Amino acid sequence: MNRFAHRGLLTFCLLAIGIGQALAHSADEHAGHDMTAKKASPETAQVKFADVALVDQNGKSVSLEKDLVGNKIVVMGFIYTSCTTVCPVVSSIMGKVQKQLGHRVGTEVQLVSISIDPQRDDPERLNDYARTFQKGPGWSWLTGSPQSVNATLKGLGAYSGDFKNHSPLILVGDGNSRFWTRYYGFTDPVELARAVEKISGERNAHAKHTAVAMEHQP
Protein backbone atom coordinates (compact mmCIF):
# COMPACT_ATOMS: atom_id res chain seq x y z
CA MET A 1 0.00 0.00 0.00
CA ASN A 2 1.50 3.35 -1.01
CA ARG A 3 1.61 6.24 1.41
CA PHE A 4 -1.26 8.11 -0.26
CA ALA A 5 -3.59 5.12 -0.04
CA HIS A 6 -2.51 4.57 3.57
CA ARG A 7 -3.19 8.22 4.42
CA GLY A 8 -6.65 8.03 2.79
CA LEU A 9 -7.55 4.88 4.74
CA LEU A 10 -6.37 6.47 8.00
CA THR A 11 -8.49 9.58 7.34
CA PHE A 12 -11.53 7.44 6.60
CA CYS A 13 -11.09 5.43 9.80
CA LEU A 14 -10.73 8.55 11.95
CA LEU A 15 -13.84 10.07 10.36
CA ALA A 16 -15.83 6.90 10.96
CA ILE A 17 -14.75 6.80 14.61
CA GLY A 18 -15.66 10.46 15.09
CA ILE A 19 -19.12 10.00 13.59
CA GLY A 20 -19.70 6.92 15.72
CA GLN A 21 -18.76 8.78 18.89
CA ALA A 22 -21.00 11.72 18.00
CA LEU A 23 -23.95 9.43 17.34
CA ALA A 24 -23.33 7.53 20.58
CA HIS A 25 -23.27 10.80 22.54
CA SER A 26 -26.43 11.99 20.85
CA ALA A 27 -28.22 8.70 21.49
CA ASP A 28 -27.19 8.66 25.14
CA GLU A 29 -27.67 12.31 26.05
CA HIS A 30 -30.72 13.02 23.89
CA ALA A 31 -32.40 9.67 23.44
CA GLY A 32 -35.84 11.23 23.18
CA HIS A 33 -35.03 13.97 20.69
CA ASP A 34 -36.49 13.53 17.25
CA MET A 35 -33.35 14.30 15.28
CA THR A 36 -35.16 13.66 11.98
CA ALA A 37 -37.52 16.61 12.55
CA LYS A 38 -35.90 18.91 10.01
CA LYS A 39 -38.96 20.59 8.52
CA ALA A 40 -41.46 22.51 10.59
CA SER A 41 -45.05 21.37 10.78
CA PRO A 42 -47.38 24.20 11.92
CA GLU A 43 -50.56 23.47 13.81
CA THR A 44 -53.14 25.77 15.37
CA ALA A 45 -53.94 25.04 19.00
CA GLN A 46 -55.42 26.66 22.08
CA VAL A 47 -53.08 27.72 24.88
CA LYS A 48 -53.69 28.40 28.54
CA PHE A 49 -51.36 30.41 30.80
CA ALA A 50 -50.91 28.92 34.25
CA ASP A 51 -51.28 31.45 37.07
CA VAL A 52 -47.85 30.79 38.57
CA ALA A 53 -44.69 32.76 39.24
CA LEU A 54 -41.63 32.14 37.07
CA VAL A 55 -38.13 33.65 37.24
CA ASP A 56 -36.26 35.29 34.36
CA GLN A 57 -32.54 35.21 33.58
CA ASN A 58 -31.99 38.26 35.79
CA GLY A 59 -33.55 36.60 38.83
CA LYS A 60 -36.74 38.66 38.61
CA SER A 61 -40.07 37.01 39.46
CA VAL A 62 -42.49 37.35 36.53
CA SER A 63 -45.93 36.28 35.38
CA LEU A 64 -45.68 34.90 31.86
CA GLU A 65 -49.13 36.12 30.86
CA LYS A 66 -49.26 39.49 32.64
CA ASP A 67 -45.65 40.66 32.49
CA LEU A 68 -44.40 39.23 29.20
CA VAL A 69 -47.22 38.19 26.88
CA GLY A 70 -49.74 40.92 27.65
CA ASN A 71 -51.03 42.24 24.34
CA LYS A 72 -47.80 41.56 22.44
CA ILE A 73 -47.04 39.26 19.56
CA VAL A 74 -44.99 36.43 21.05
CA VAL A 75 -42.46 33.91 19.74
CA MET A 76 -41.78 31.22 22.35
CA GLY A 77 -39.33 28.32 22.44
CA PHE A 78 -38.52 25.51 24.88
CA ILE A 79 -34.93 24.55 25.73
CA TYR A 80 -32.56 23.37 28.42
CA THR A 81 -28.99 24.55 28.72
CA SER A 82 -27.23 21.16 28.90
CA CYS A 83 -28.79 20.10 25.60
CA THR A 84 -26.16 20.05 22.84
CA THR A 85 -28.23 19.08 19.81
CA VAL A 86 -31.80 20.30 19.28
CA CYS A 87 -31.95 23.16 21.80
CA PRO A 88 -29.07 25.24 20.40
CA VAL A 89 -30.70 25.01 16.98
CA VAL A 90 -34.04 26.22 18.37
CA SER A 91 -32.32 29.08 20.20
CA SER A 92 -30.35 30.00 17.09
CA ILE A 93 -33.57 30.11 15.06
CA MET A 94 -35.10 32.48 17.58
CA GLY A 95 -31.95 34.59 17.54
CA LYS A 96 -32.34 34.98 13.78
CA VAL A 97 -35.99 35.95 14.26
CA GLN A 98 -34.86 38.63 16.70
CA LYS A 99 -32.39 39.96 14.14
CA GLN A 100 -35.01 40.01 11.35
CA LEU A 101 -37.61 41.83 13.43
CA GLY A 102 -35.09 44.32 14.80
CA HIS A 103 -36.33 47.09 17.10
CA ARG A 104 -39.85 45.66 17.14
CA VAL A 105 -38.62 43.01 19.59
CA GLY A 106 -39.15 44.50 23.01
CA THR A 107 -41.97 46.79 21.88
CA GLU A 108 -44.55 45.08 19.70
CA VAL A 109 -42.93 41.64 19.86
CA GLN A 110 -41.72 39.57 22.82
CA LEU A 111 -39.44 36.54 22.61
CA VAL A 112 -39.62 33.94 25.39
CA SER A 113 -37.52 30.83 26.02
CA ILE A 114 -38.65 28.49 28.80
CA SER A 115 -36.28 25.96 30.36
CA ILE A 116 -37.75 22.48 30.57
CA ASP A 117 -35.04 21.50 33.08
CA PRO A 118 -35.79 23.89 35.96
CA GLN A 119 -33.94 21.79 38.55
CA ARG A 120 -30.61 22.57 36.89
CA ASP A 121 -31.33 25.75 34.93
CA ASP A 122 -31.22 28.55 37.47
CA PRO A 123 -31.24 32.23 36.38
CA GLU A 124 -27.43 32.47 36.36
CA ARG A 125 -27.11 29.46 34.09
CA LEU A 126 -29.81 30.78 31.77
CA ASN A 127 -28.14 34.18 31.66
CA ASP A 128 -24.84 32.63 30.58
CA TYR A 129 -26.59 30.54 27.95
CA ALA A 130 -28.60 33.49 26.63
CA ARG A 131 -25.47 35.49 25.80
CA THR A 132 -24.70 33.10 22.96
CA PHE A 133 -27.99 33.77 21.17
CA GLN A 134 -29.54 37.03 22.35
CA LYS A 135 -28.52 40.28 20.66
CA GLY A 136 -30.68 42.99 22.18
CA PRO A 137 -33.69 43.50 24.47
CA GLY A 138 -37.10 41.87 24.40
CA TRP A 139 -36.09 38.26 24.99
CA SER A 140 -36.86 36.65 28.37
CA TRP A 141 -35.44 33.31 29.46
CA LEU A 142 -37.57 31.66 32.14
CA THR A 143 -37.20 29.01 34.82
CA GLY A 144 -38.85 28.43 38.21
CA SER A 145 -39.90 25.67 40.53
CA PRO A 146 -40.55 22.31 38.81
CA GLN A 147 -44.22 22.63 39.77
CA SER A 148 -44.57 26.09 38.21
CA VAL A 149 -42.66 25.19 35.07
CA ASN A 150 -44.61 21.95 34.57
CA ALA A 151 -47.94 23.77 35.00
CA THR A 152 -46.79 26.35 32.45
CA LEU A 153 -45.67 23.73 29.94
CA LYS A 154 -48.90 21.74 30.29
CA GLY A 155 -50.99 24.84 29.60
CA LEU A 156 -48.95 25.57 26.49
CA GLY A 157 -49.06 21.98 25.23
CA ALA A 158 -45.29 21.65 25.56
CA TYR A 159 -45.01 19.27 28.53
CA SER A 160 -43.03 16.04 28.37
CA GLY A 161 -42.63 13.67 31.30
CA ASP A 162 -38.92 13.38 30.53
CA PHE A 163 -37.39 16.72 29.58
CA LYS A 164 -34.91 14.95 27.28
CA ASN A 165 -37.82 13.41 25.41
CA HIS A 166 -39.14 16.48 23.66
CA SER A 167 -39.53 17.58 20.05
CA PRO A 168 -38.32 20.92 18.69
CA LEU A 169 -41.20 23.33 19.21
CA ILE A 170 -41.76 27.06 18.75
CA LEU A 171 -45.04 28.86 19.47
CA VAL A 172 -46.16 32.05 17.73
CA GLY A 173 -49.24 33.90 18.86
CA ASP A 174 -51.11 37.08 19.64
CA GLY A 175 -51.35 37.92 23.32
CA ASN A 176 -54.94 38.98 22.70
CA SER A 177 -55.91 35.50 21.50
CA ARG A 178 -55.94 32.04 23.07
CA PHE A 179 -55.34 30.42 19.68
CA TRP A 180 -51.69 30.19 18.71
CA THR A 181 -49.66 28.31 16.12
CA ARG A 182 -47.26 25.56 17.13
CA TYR A 183 -44.31 24.89 14.82
CA TYR A 184 -42.84 21.44 15.30
CA GLY A 185 -39.39 20.78 13.86
CA PHE A 186 -36.66 23.16 12.82
CA THR A 187 -38.52 26.18 11.50
CA ASP A 188 -37.15 28.62 8.96
CA PRO A 189 -36.75 31.95 10.82
CA VAL A 190 -38.22 33.69 7.77
CA GLU A 191 -41.43 31.69 8.22
CA LEU A 192 -41.67 32.72 11.86
CA ALA A 193 -41.03 36.38 11.01
CA ARG A 194 -43.77 36.18 8.38
CA ALA A 195 -46.16 34.75 10.96
CA VAL A 196 -45.40 37.73 13.20
CA GLU A 197 -45.93 40.12 10.28
CA LYS A 198 -49.27 38.48 9.50
CA ILE A 199 -50.50 38.96 13.06
CA SER A 200 -49.27 42.56 13.02
CA GLY A 201 -51.09 43.21 9.74
CA GLU A 202 -54.31 41.71 11.08
CA ARG A 203 -54.04 43.92 14.16
CA ASN A 204 -53.57 47.05 12.06
CA ALA A 205 -56.48 46.15 9.80
CA HIS A 206 -58.71 45.57 12.80
CA ALA A 207 -57.66 48.88 14.37
CA LYS A 208 -58.42 50.78 11.15
CA HIS A 209 -61.78 49.06 10.80
CA THR A 210 -62.67 49.96 14.39
CA ALA A 211 -61.62 53.57 13.88
CA VAL A 212 -63.71 53.90 10.73
CA ALA A 213 -66.72 52.32 12.44
CA MET A 214 -66.45 54.77 15.33
CA GLU A 215 -66.24 57.73 12.94
CA HIS A 216 -69.54 56.74 11.35
CA GLN A 217 -71.42 56.26 14.58
CA PRO A 218 -74.35 58.67 14.93
C-alpha atoms as a PDB file:
ATOM      1  CA  MET A   1       0.000   0.000   0.000  1.00  0.00           C
ATOM      2  CA  ASN A   2       1.502   3.347  -1.006  1.00  0.00           C
ATOM      3  CA  ARG A   3       1.614   6.239   1.407  1.00  0.00           C
ATOM      4  CA  PHE A   4      -1.265   8.112  -0.257  1.00  0.00           C
ATOM      5  CA  ALA A   5      -3.594   5.125  -0.042  1.00  0.00           C
ATOM      6  CA  HIS A   6      -2.515   4.573   3.574  1.00  0.00           C
ATOM      7  CA  ARG A   7      -3.188   8.216   4.419  1.00  0.00           C
ATOM      8  CA  GLY A   8      -6.650   8.026   2.790  1.00  0.00           C
ATOM      9  CA  LEU A   9      -7.548   4.881   4.737  1.00  0.00           C
ATOM     10  CA  LEU A  10      -6.375   6.470   8.003  1.00  0.00           C
ATOM     11  CA  THR A  11      -8.488   9.581   7.345  1.00  0.00           C
ATOM     12  CA  PHE A  12     -11.535   7.438   6.596  1.00  0.00           C
ATOM     13  CA  CYS A  13     -11.090   5.428   9.804  1.00  0.00           C
ATOM     14  CA  LEU A  14     -10.731   8.551  11.950  1.00  0.00           C
ATOM     15  CA  LEU A  15     -13.836  10.071  10.363  1.00  0.00           C
ATOM     16  CA  ALA A  16     -15.828   6.901  10.960  1.00  0.00           C
ATOM     17  CA  ILE A  17     -14.748   6.796  14.614  1.00  0.00           C
ATOM     18  CA  GLY A  18     -15.660  10.461  15.091  1.00  0.00           C
ATOM     19  CA  ILE A  19     -19.121  10.004  13.595  1.00  0.00           C
ATOM     20  CA  GLY A  20     -19.696   6.921  15.717  1.00  0.00           C
ATOM     21  CA  GLN A  21     -18.758   8.776  18.893  1.00  0.00           C
ATOM     22  CA  ALA A  22     -21.003  11.716  18.001  1.00  0.00           C
ATOM     23  CA  LEU A  23     -23.954   9.428  17.337  1.00  0.00           C
ATOM     24  CA  ALA A  24     -23.329   7.534  20.578  1.00  0.00           C
ATOM     25  CA  HIS A  25     -23.269  10.797  22.545  1.00  0.00           C
ATOM     26  CA  SER A  26     -26.429  11.991  20.852  1.00  0.00           C
ATOM     27  CA  ALA A  27     -28.219   8.696  21.493  1.00  0.00           C
ATOM     28  CA  ASP A  28     -27.194   8.658  25.145  1.00  0.00           C
ATOM     29  CA  GLU A  29     -27.666  12.311  26.054  1.00  0.00           C
ATOM     30  CA  HIS A  30     -30.717  13.025  23.895  1.00  0.00           C
ATOM     31  CA  ALA A  31     -32.403   9.671  23.439  1.00  0.00           C
ATOM     32  CA  GLY A  32     -35.844  11.228  23.179  1.00  0.00           C
ATOM     33  CA  HIS A  33     -35.027  13.967  20.693  1.00  0.00           C
ATOM     34  CA  ASP A  34     -36.495  13.530  17.253  1.00  0.00           C
ATOM     35  CA  MET A  35     -33.348  14.295  15.282  1.00  0.00           C
ATOM     36  CA  THR A  36     -35.163  13.663  11.978  1.00  0.00           C
ATOM     37  CA  ALA A  37     -37.517  16.605  12.549  1.00  0.00           C
ATOM     38  CA  LYS A  38     -35.900  18.907  10.008  1.00  0.00           C
ATOM     39  CA  LYS A  39     -38.957  20.586   8.517  1.00  0.00           C
ATOM     40  CA  ALA A  40     -41.459  22.510  10.594  1.00  0.00           C
ATOM     41  CA  SER A  41     -45.048  21.371  10.777  1.00  0.00           C
ATOM     42  CA  PRO A  42     -47.381  24.199  11.915  1.00  0.00           C
ATOM     43  CA  GLU A  43     -50.564  23.473  13.811  1.00  0.00           C
ATOM     44  CA  THR A  44     -53.144  25.771  15.374  1.00  0.00           C
ATOM     45  CA  ALA A  45     -53.943  25.040  19.001  1.00  0.00           C
ATOM     46  CA  GLN A  46     -55.421  26.656  22.080  1.00  0.00           C
ATOM     47  CA  VAL A  47     -53.080  27.719  24.876  1.00  0.00           C
ATOM     48  CA  LYS A  48     -53.686  28.396  28.545  1.00  0.00           C
ATOM     49  CA  PHE A  49     -51.365  30.410  30.795  1.00  0.00           C
ATOM     50  CA  ALA A  50     -50.910  28.922  34.251  1.00  0.00           C
ATOM     51  CA  ASP A  51     -51.281  31.451  37.069  1.00  0.00           C
ATOM     52  CA  VAL A  52     -47.849  30.787  38.574  1.00  0.00           C
ATOM     53  CA  ALA A  53     -44.686  32.765  39.240  1.00  0.00           C
ATOM     54  CA  LEU A  54     -41.625  32.137  37.074  1.00  0.00           C
ATOM     55  CA  VAL A  55     -38.131  33.648  37.240  1.00  0.00           C
ATOM     56  CA  ASP A  56     -36.265  35.295  34.357  1.00  0.00           C
ATOM     57  CA  GLN A  57     -32.541  35.211  33.584  1.00  0.00           C
ATOM     58  CA  ASN A  58     -31.988  38.264  35.790  1.00  0.00           C
ATOM     59  CA  GLY A  59     -33.551  36.598  38.832  1.00  0.00           C
ATOM     60  CA  LYS A  60     -36.745  38.659  38.607  1.00  0.00           C
ATOM     61  CA  SER A  61     -40.074  37.012  39.459  1.00  0.00           C
ATOM     62  CA  VAL A  62     -42.488  37.345  36.528  1.00  0.00           C
ATOM     63  CA  SER A  63     -45.929  36.282  35.381  1.00  0.00           C
ATOM     64  CA  LEU A  64     -45.682  34.895  31.856  1.00  0.00           C
ATOM     65  CA  GLU A  65     -49.129  36.125  30.858  1.00  0.00           C
ATOM     66  CA  LYS A  66     -49.265  39.491  32.636  1.00  0.00           C
ATOM     67  CA  ASP A  67     -45.653  40.658  32.485  1.00  0.00           C
ATOM     68  CA  LEU A  68     -44.402  39.231  29.200  1.00  0.00           C
ATOM     69  CA  VAL A  69     -47.219  38.189  26.885  1.00  0.00           C
ATOM     70  CA  GLY A  70     -49.743  40.920  27.646  1.00  0.00           C
ATOM     71  CA  ASN A  71     -51.031  42.241  24.342  1.00  0.00           C
ATOM     72  CA  LYS A  72     -47.804  41.564  22.445  1.00  0.00           C
ATOM     73  CA  ILE A  73     -47.037  39.260  19.562  1.00  0.00           C
ATOM     74  CA  VAL A  74     -44.991  36.429  21.055  1.00  0.00           C
ATOM     75  CA  VAL A  75     -42.459  33.912  19.743  1.00  0.00           C
ATOM     76  CA  MET A  76     -41.779  31.224  22.346  1.00  0.00           C
ATOM     77  CA  GLY A  77     -39.329  28.322  22.439  1.00  0.00           C
ATOM     78  CA  PHE A  78     -38.516  25.512  24.876  1.00  0.00           C
ATOM     79  CA  ILE A  79     -34.927  24.548  25.728  1.00  0.00           C
ATOM     80  CA  TYR A  80     -32.565  23.370  28.425  1.00  0.00           C
ATOM     81  CA  THR A  81     -28.991  24.549  28.718  1.00  0.00           C
ATOM     82  CA  SER A  82     -27.233  21.165  28.898  1.00  0.00           C
ATOM     83  CA  CYS A  83     -28.791  20.100  25.597  1.00  0.00           C
ATOM     84  CA  THR A  84     -26.158  20.053  22.840  1.00  0.00           C
ATOM     85  CA  THR A  85     -28.232  19.079  19.806  1.00  0.00           C
ATOM     86  CA  VAL A  86     -31.799  20.297  19.282  1.00  0.00           C
ATOM     87  CA  CYS A  87     -31.955  23.160  21.797  1.00  0.00           C
ATOM     88  CA  PRO A  88     -29.071  25.243  20.405  1.00  0.00           C
ATOM     89  CA  VAL A  89     -30.699  25.010  16.975  1.00  0.00           C
ATOM     90  CA  VAL A  90     -34.043  26.223  18.366  1.00  0.00           C
ATOM     91  CA  SER A  91     -32.317  29.076  20.204  1.00  0.00           C
ATOM     92  CA  SER A  92     -30.349  29.998  17.090  1.00  0.00           C
ATOM     93  CA  ILE A  93     -33.566  30.113  15.062  1.00  0.00           C
ATOM     94  CA  MET A  94     -35.105  32.481  17.580  1.00  0.00           C
ATOM     95  CA  GLY A  95     -31.950  34.594  17.535  1.00  0.00           C
ATOM     96  CA  LYS A  96     -32.337  34.983  13.776  1.00  0.00           C
ATOM     97  CA  VAL A  97     -35.988  35.949  14.256  1.00  0.00           C
ATOM     98  CA  GLN A  98     -34.856  38.630  16.704  1.00  0.00           C
ATOM     99  CA  LYS A  99     -32.395  39.957  14.138  1.00  0.00           C
ATOM    100  CA  GLN A 100     -35.009  40.009  11.352  1.00  0.00           C
ATOM    101  CA  LEU A 101     -37.607  41.833  13.432  1.00  0.00           C
ATOM    102  CA  GLY A 102     -35.095  44.320  14.802  1.00  0.00           C
ATOM    103  CA  HIS A 103     -36.331  47.094  17.100  1.00  0.00           C
ATOM    104  CA  ARG A 104     -39.845  45.657  17.136  1.00  0.00           C
ATOM    105  CA  VAL A 105     -38.624  43.010  19.588  1.00  0.00           C
ATOM    106  CA  GLY A 106     -39.148  44.498  23.014  1.00  0.00           C
ATOM    107  CA  THR A 107     -41.971  46.791  21.883  1.00  0.00           C
ATOM    108  CA  GLU A 108     -44.550  45.077  19.695  1.00  0.00           C
ATOM    109  CA  VAL A 109     -42.930  41.641  19.856  1.00  0.00           C
ATOM    110  CA  GLN A 110     -41.721  39.572  22.823  1.00  0.00           C
ATOM    111  CA  LEU A 111     -39.435  36.535  22.612  1.00  0.00           C
ATOM    112  CA  VAL A 112     -39.620  33.935  25.389  1.00  0.00           C
ATOM    113  CA  SER A 113     -37.524  30.828  26.021  1.00  0.00           C
ATOM    114  CA  ILE A 114     -38.646  28.492  28.798  1.00  0.00           C
ATOM    115  CA  SER A 115     -36.284  25.961  30.360  1.00  0.00           C
ATOM    116  CA  ILE A 116     -37.752  22.480  30.573  1.00  0.00           C
ATOM    117  CA  ASP A 117     -35.035  21.498  33.077  1.00  0.00           C
ATOM    118  CA  PRO A 118     -35.789  23.888  35.964  1.00  0.00           C
ATOM    119  CA  GLN A 119     -33.937  21.793  38.553  1.00  0.00           C
ATOM    120  CA  ARG A 120     -30.606  22.574  36.893  1.00  0.00           C
ATOM    121  CA  ASP A 121     -31.333  25.748  34.926  1.00  0.00           C
ATOM    122  CA  ASP A 122     -31.217  28.548  37.469  1.00  0.00           C
ATOM    123  CA  PRO A 123     -31.235  32.231  36.382  1.00  0.00           C
ATOM    124  CA  GLU A 124     -27.430  32.470  36.356  1.00  0.00           C
ATOM    125  CA  ARG A 125     -27.114  29.459  34.092  1.00  0.00           C
ATOM    126  CA  LEU A 126     -29.815  30.779  31.765  1.00  0.00           C
ATOM    127  CA  ASN A 127     -28.141  34.183  31.660  1.00  0.00           C
ATOM    128  CA  ASP A 128     -24.843  32.632  30.583  1.00  0.00           C
ATOM    129  CA  TYR A 129     -26.588  30.539  27.955  1.00  0.00           C
ATOM    130  CA  ALA A 130     -28.601  33.487  26.630  1.00  0.00           C
ATOM    131  CA  ARG A 131     -25.466  35.485  25.801  1.00  0.00           C
ATOM    132  CA  THR A 132     -24.701  33.098  22.958  1.00  0.00           C
ATOM    133  CA  PHE A 133     -27.986  33.768  21.166  1.00  0.00           C
ATOM    134  CA  GLN A 134     -29.544  37.030  22.347  1.00  0.00           C
ATOM    135  CA  LYS A 135     -28.519  40.276  20.660  1.00  0.00           C
ATOM    136  CA  GLY A 136     -30.675  42.992  22.183  1.00  0.00           C
ATOM    137  CA  PRO A 137     -33.693  43.500  24.473  1.00  0.00           C
ATOM    138  CA  GLY A 138     -37.098  41.870  24.397  1.00  0.00           C
ATOM    139  CA  TRP A 139     -36.088  38.257  24.992  1.00  0.00           C
ATOM    140  CA  SER A 140     -36.865  36.653  28.365  1.00  0.00           C
ATOM    141  CA  TRP A 141     -35.444  33.313  29.465  1.00  0.00           C
ATOM    142  CA  LEU A 142     -37.570  31.658  32.135  1.00  0.00           C
ATOM    143  CA  THR A 143     -37.199  29.011  34.818  1.00  0.00           C
ATOM    144  CA  GLY A 144     -38.849  28.433  38.208  1.00  0.00           C
ATOM    145  CA  SER A 145     -39.902  25.667  40.531  1.00  0.00           C
ATOM    146  CA  PRO A 146     -40.551  22.314  38.812  1.00  0.00           C
ATOM    147  CA  GLN A 147     -44.223  22.629  39.770  1.00  0.00           C
ATOM    148  CA  SER A 148     -44.571  26.092  38.212  1.00  0.00           C
ATOM    149  CA  VAL A 149     -42.661  25.193  35.071  1.00  0.00           C
ATOM    150  CA  ASN A 150     -44.612  21.953  34.574  1.00  0.00           C
ATOM    151  CA  ALA A 151     -47.936  23.767  34.996  1.00  0.00           C
ATOM    152  CA  THR A 152     -46.790  26.353  32.454  1.00  0.00           C
ATOM    153  CA  LEU A 153     -45.669  23.725  29.937  1.00  0.00           C
ATOM    154  CA  LYS A 154     -48.899  21.742  30.287  1.00  0.00           C
ATOM    155  CA  GLY A 155     -50.986  24.842  29.595  1.00  0.00           C
ATOM    156  CA  LEU A 156     -48.948  25.566  26.487  1.00  0.00           C
ATOM    157  CA  GLY A 157     -49.065  21.982  25.229  1.00  0.00           C
ATOM    158  CA  ALA A 158     -45.292  21.650  25.556  1.00  0.00           C
ATOM    159  CA  TYR A 159     -45.010  19.273  28.526  1.00  0.00           C
ATOM    160  CA  SER A 160     -43.031  16.041  28.370  1.00  0.00           C
ATOM    161  CA  GLY A 161     -42.631  13.675  31.303  1.00  0.00           C
ATOM    162  CA  ASP A 162     -38.919  13.378  30.528  1.00  0.00           C
ATOM    163  CA  PHE A 163     -37.392  16.720  29.576  1.00  0.00           C
ATOM    164  CA  LYS A 164     -34.909  14.947  27.284  1.00  0.00           C
ATOM    165  CA  ASN A 165     -37.816  13.407  25.415  1.00  0.00           C
ATOM    166  CA  HIS A 166     -39.143  16.484  23.659  1.00  0.00           C
ATOM    167  CA  SER A 167     -39.526  17.577  20.046  1.00  0.00           C
ATOM    168  CA  PRO A 168     -38.315  20.919  18.689  1.00  0.00           C
ATOM    169  CA  LEU A 169     -41.204  23.330  19.214  1.00  0.00           C
ATOM    170  CA  ILE A 170     -41.763  27.055  18.750  1.00  0.00           C
ATOM    171  CA  LEU A 171     -45.038  28.858  19.469  1.00  0.00           C
ATOM    172  CA  VAL A 172     -46.163  32.045  17.734  1.00  0.00           C
ATOM    173  CA  GLY A 173     -49.242  33.905  18.863  1.00  0.00           C
ATOM    174  CA  ASP A 174     -51.109  37.084  19.638  1.00  0.00           C
ATOM    175  CA  GLY A 175     -51.353  37.916  23.323  1.00  0.00           C
ATOM    176  CA  ASN A 176     -54.939  38.982  22.701  1.00  0.00           C
ATOM    177  CA  SER A 177     -55.907  35.501  21.503  1.00  0.00           C
ATOM    178  CA  ARG A 178     -55.943  32.038  23.065  1.00  0.00           C
ATOM    179  CA  PHE A 179     -55.345  30.420  19.677  1.00  0.00           C
ATOM    180  CA  TRP A 180     -51.692  30.189  18.706  1.00  0.00           C
ATOM    181  CA  THR A 181     -49.661  28.310  16.120  1.00  0.00           C
ATOM    182  CA  ARG A 182     -47.259  25.558  17.127  1.00  0.00           C
ATOM    183  CA  TYR A 183     -44.311  24.894  14.823  1.00  0.00           C
ATOM    184  CA  TYR A 184     -42.839  21.439  15.297  1.00  0.00           C
ATOM    185  CA  GLY A 185     -39.391  20.781  13.862  1.00  0.00           C
ATOM    186  CA  PHE A 186     -36.657  23.164  12.817  1.00  0.00           C
ATOM    187  CA  THR A 187     -38.524  26.176  11.501  1.00  0.00           C
ATOM    188  CA  ASP A 188     -37.154  28.619   8.960  1.00  0.00           C
ATOM    189  CA  PRO A 189     -36.750  31.949  10.815  1.00  0.00           C
ATOM    190  CA  VAL A 190     -38.224  33.688   7.766  1.00  0.00           C
ATOM    191  CA  GLU A 191     -41.429  31.686   8.216  1.00  0.00           C
ATOM    192  CA  LEU A 192     -41.667  32.719  11.863  1.00  0.00           C
ATOM    193  CA  ALA A 193     -41.030  36.377  11.009  1.00  0.00           C
ATOM    194  CA  ARG A 194     -43.772  36.182   8.378  1.00  0.00           C
ATOM    195  CA  ALA A 195     -46.157  34.754  10.961  1.00  0.00           C
ATOM    196  CA  VAL A 196     -45.398  37.734  13.203  1.00  0.00           C
ATOM    197  CA  GLU A 197     -45.932  40.120  10.277  1.00  0.00           C
ATOM    198  CA  LYS A 198     -49.272  38.485   9.499  1.00  0.00           C
ATOM    199  CA  ILE A 199     -50.501  38.955  13.060  1.00  0.00           C
ATOM    200  CA  SER A 200     -49.271  42.559  13.016  1.00  0.00           C
ATOM    201  CA  GLY A 201     -51.093  43.211   9.744  1.00  0.00           C
ATOM    202  CA  GLU A 202     -54.313  41.707  11.081  1.00  0.00           C
ATOM    203  CA  ARG A 203     -54.044  43.921  14.163  1.00  0.00           C
ATOM    204  CA  ASN A 204     -53.568  47.049  12.063  1.00  0.00           C
ATOM    205  CA  ALA A 205     -56.476  46.153   9.801  1.00  0.00           C
ATOM    206  CA  HIS A 206     -58.714  45.574  12.800  1.00  0.00           C
ATOM    207  CA  ALA A 207     -57.660  48.882  14.374  1.00  0.00           C
ATOM    208  CA  LYS A 208     -58.419  50.781  11.146  1.00  0.00           C
ATOM    209  CA  HIS A 209     -61.780  49.065  10.800  1.00  0.00           C
ATOM    210  CA  THR A 210     -62.667  49.956  14.394  1.00  0.00           C
ATOM    211  CA  ALA A 211     -61.622  53.566  13.878  1.00  0.00           C
ATOM    212  CA  VAL A 212     -63.713  53.904  10.727  1.00  0.00           C
ATOM    213  CA  ALA A 213     -66.724  52.323  12.440  1.00  0.00           C
ATOM    214  CA  MET A 214     -66.452  54.765  15.326  1.00  0.00           C
ATOM    215  CA  GLU A 215     -66.238  57.731  12.943  1.00  0.00           C
ATOM    216  CA  HIS A 216     -69.543  56.737  11.347  1.00  0.00           C
ATOM    217  CA  GLN A 217     -71.417  56.260  14.579  1.00  0.00           C
ATOM    218  CA  PRO A 218     -74.353  58.667  14.932  1.00  0.00           C
END
